[in-house]
Protein backbone atom coordinates (compact mmCIF):
# COMPACT_ATOMS: atom_id res chain seq x y z
CA UNK A 1 -7.78 2.08 3.43
CA UNK A 2 -4.65 1.87 1.06
CA UNK A 3 -4.11 2.98 -2.63
CA UNK A 4 -2.62 -0.04 -3.54
CA UNK A 5 -2.26 -3.70 -1.76
CA UNK A 6 1.40 -4.42 -1.09
CA UNK A 7 3.53 -7.60 -1.28
CA UNK A 8 2.84 -10.87 -3.31
CA UNK A 9 -0.88 -11.52 -3.88
CA UNK A 10 -3.39 -13.59 -6.16
CA UNK A 11 -6.47 -12.14 -7.35
CA UNK A 12 -9.91 -13.78 -7.79
CA UNK A 13 -12.03 -16.54 -6.25
CA UNK A 14 -10.25 -19.69 -7.76
CA UNK A 15 -6.59 -18.55 -6.90
CA UNK A 16 -7.70 -17.35 -3.56
CA UNK A 17 -9.24 -20.73 -2.67
CA UNK A 18 -6.22 -22.51 -3.76
CA UNK A 19 -3.84 -20.55 -2.14
CA UNK A 20 -5.62 -20.68 1.24
CA UNK A 21 -5.95 -24.59 0.79
CA UNK A 22 -2.13 -24.45 0.57
CA UNK A 23 -1.67 -22.81 3.49
CA UNK A 24 -0.66 -19.29 1.81
CA UNK A 25 -1.85 -16.20 2.82
CA UNK A 26 -2.37 -13.84 5.84
CA UNK A 27 -5.16 -11.61 4.90
CA UNK A 28 -8.19 -11.93 2.09
CA UNK A 29 -9.85 -9.06 0.93
CA UNK A 30 -13.32 -9.69 -0.39
CA UNK A 31 -15.73 -7.38 -2.47
CA UNK A 32 -19.01 -6.72 -0.66
CA UNK A 33 -20.76 -6.42 -3.88
CA UNK A 34 -19.44 -9.92 -5.38
CA UNK A 35 -21.75 -12.95 -5.74
CA UNK A 36 -22.54 -14.23 -2.42
CA UNK A 37 -22.45 -17.82 -3.25
CA UNK A 38 -18.97 -17.31 -4.60
CA UNK A 39 -17.75 -15.58 -1.57
CA UNK A 40 -19.06 -17.75 1.05
CA UNK A 41 -16.72 -20.51 0.08
CA UNK A 42 -14.00 -17.93 0.69
CA UNK A 43 -15.11 -16.64 3.90
CA UNK A 44 -15.77 -20.40 5.03
CA UNK A 45 -12.19 -21.42 4.08
CA UNK A 46 -10.69 -18.15 5.57
CA UNK A 47 -12.06 -18.76 9.22
CA UNK A 48 -11.42 -22.50 9.23
CA UNK A 49 -7.48 -21.69 8.29
CA UNK A 50 -7.09 -18.45 10.56
CA UNK A 51 -6.84 -15.99 7.57
CA UNK A 52 -7.81 -12.36 8.35
CA UNK A 53 -10.75 -10.89 6.32
CA UNK A 54 -11.01 -7.46 5.20
CA UNK A 55 -14.13 -6.34 3.14
CA UNK A 56 -13.95 -3.76 0.37
CA UNK A 57 -17.24 -1.82 -0.96
CA UNK A 58 -16.83 -2.82 -4.42
CA UNK A 59 -15.33 -5.29 -6.77
CA UNK A 60 -14.15 -2.35 -8.91
CA UNK A 61 -12.20 -1.01 -6.08
CA UNK A 62 -10.68 -4.28 -5.01
CA UNK A 63 -9.19 -4.51 -8.71
CA UNK A 64 -7.83 -0.98 -8.35
CA UNK A 65 -6.18 -1.96 -5.00
CA UNK A 66 -4.78 -5.15 -6.78
CA UNK A 67 -3.41 -2.99 -9.97
CA UNK A 68 -5.79 -4.45 -12.68
CA UNK A 69 -8.33 -2.93 -14.81
CA UNK A 70 -11.17 -4.92 -13.99
CA UNK A 71 -13.12 -5.99 -10.90
CA UNK A 72 -11.99 -8.73 -8.48
CA UNK A 73 -14.17 -10.64 -6.13
CA UNK A 74 -11.34 -11.57 -3.95
CA UNK A 75 -7.54 -10.96 -3.39
CA UNK A 76 -5.27 -12.83 -1.03
CA UNK A 77 -1.95 -11.37 0.35
CA UNK A 78 0.62 -14.11 0.51
CA UNK A 79 2.73 -14.62 3.56
């Protein structure tokens, strides 16, 4: 995987959902260890809007990829 996600992005479940609903985003990254209830809504929305899904092992790793010091459940690369 890459050391850092490049380009404009939003981080977190709420921002990811909001951006996908607005028709933004090309690929969503989801942490495998995130709360399944939260992640299911993002996965469903991504599939409905033809947004590619990629999985990252841990929330901590996804946070690092986004350049933040805390874990992240999801991140969306904006188009």
